[in-house]
Amino acid sequence: MRLGTYYRHRLLGFLGLWDDFQPGHDVLDVGGFDGYVLSRLNCRSRTLIDPDAQPDFDGIRYEKADFLSYDFGELKFDRILSLDVIEHLPAGTEHDYLCRMAKLLKPGATAYVTTPSSDIRIFPGFLRRWVAKKWAHYKCLGYSESELRAFLKDTGLQAELIELDAPSYLFWYLPLRALQPLLPTRLLNLLLTQLAAYDVRHNHGTHGYLLLKLRHQAPADR
């Protein structure tokens, strides 16, 4: 499993985000790769779309396809997840991606989007751009709050932005990545859990990640 996948799942859990997912919900994960996050959720239906989808878990509908062009038909969702995906999209498609998300949300439903900040810091600092390329962040390192809000213009989505500074994860990421082949999975997950527990108490700042909580405006809200 990718280090970032497990870390983000634990961090968002400590923030209480998973409490917002209920058994009666239909959930879509955009760019969820192997479906680990969806596999941990108890929901009515779980759909994953990713050009590189890897069907590793039962009970998930995997679609190996491009989110921007895939035909979902009449499907609508109570919750949409998209964790560290928008920075991988072709330049100029970010607004379309958010508009598509808005159309797929049921009235009053919520989407959660994470992305690295444009000012993300990793230790040691001189390797920041090298690590970004390893993460396939060829277009940009990440986004600023003002850039994200510009992408959201005219989407019909109400946005709350939450800072996820991730100081300990970004400090220890490279050592853990180097040691990953040598460490038992259980120990590695324990270490990532400890980092997430620390970071959730020190999450204010823009040197890590940003979380957008996007609510679809019901007609009465407009």
Foldseek 3Di string as FASTA:
>chain_A
DDLVVLLVLLLVVVVVNLVVADQAWAEEEEQPAACPSVQVHRYVAAEYEDCNHDPDDPRYHYHNDDLLPDPPDPAATQEYEYEADLLQDPPPCLLSNLLSNLVRYDAFGKYKYKHAFLQAAAPPRVCLVVVCVVVVSPPGSTYHPVVNVVSPPPSQKDKDKFFQNLPVCRHCVVVCVVCVVPDDPVVSSVVSSVSSVVRSVVRDDRNTMMMIMITHHHPVND
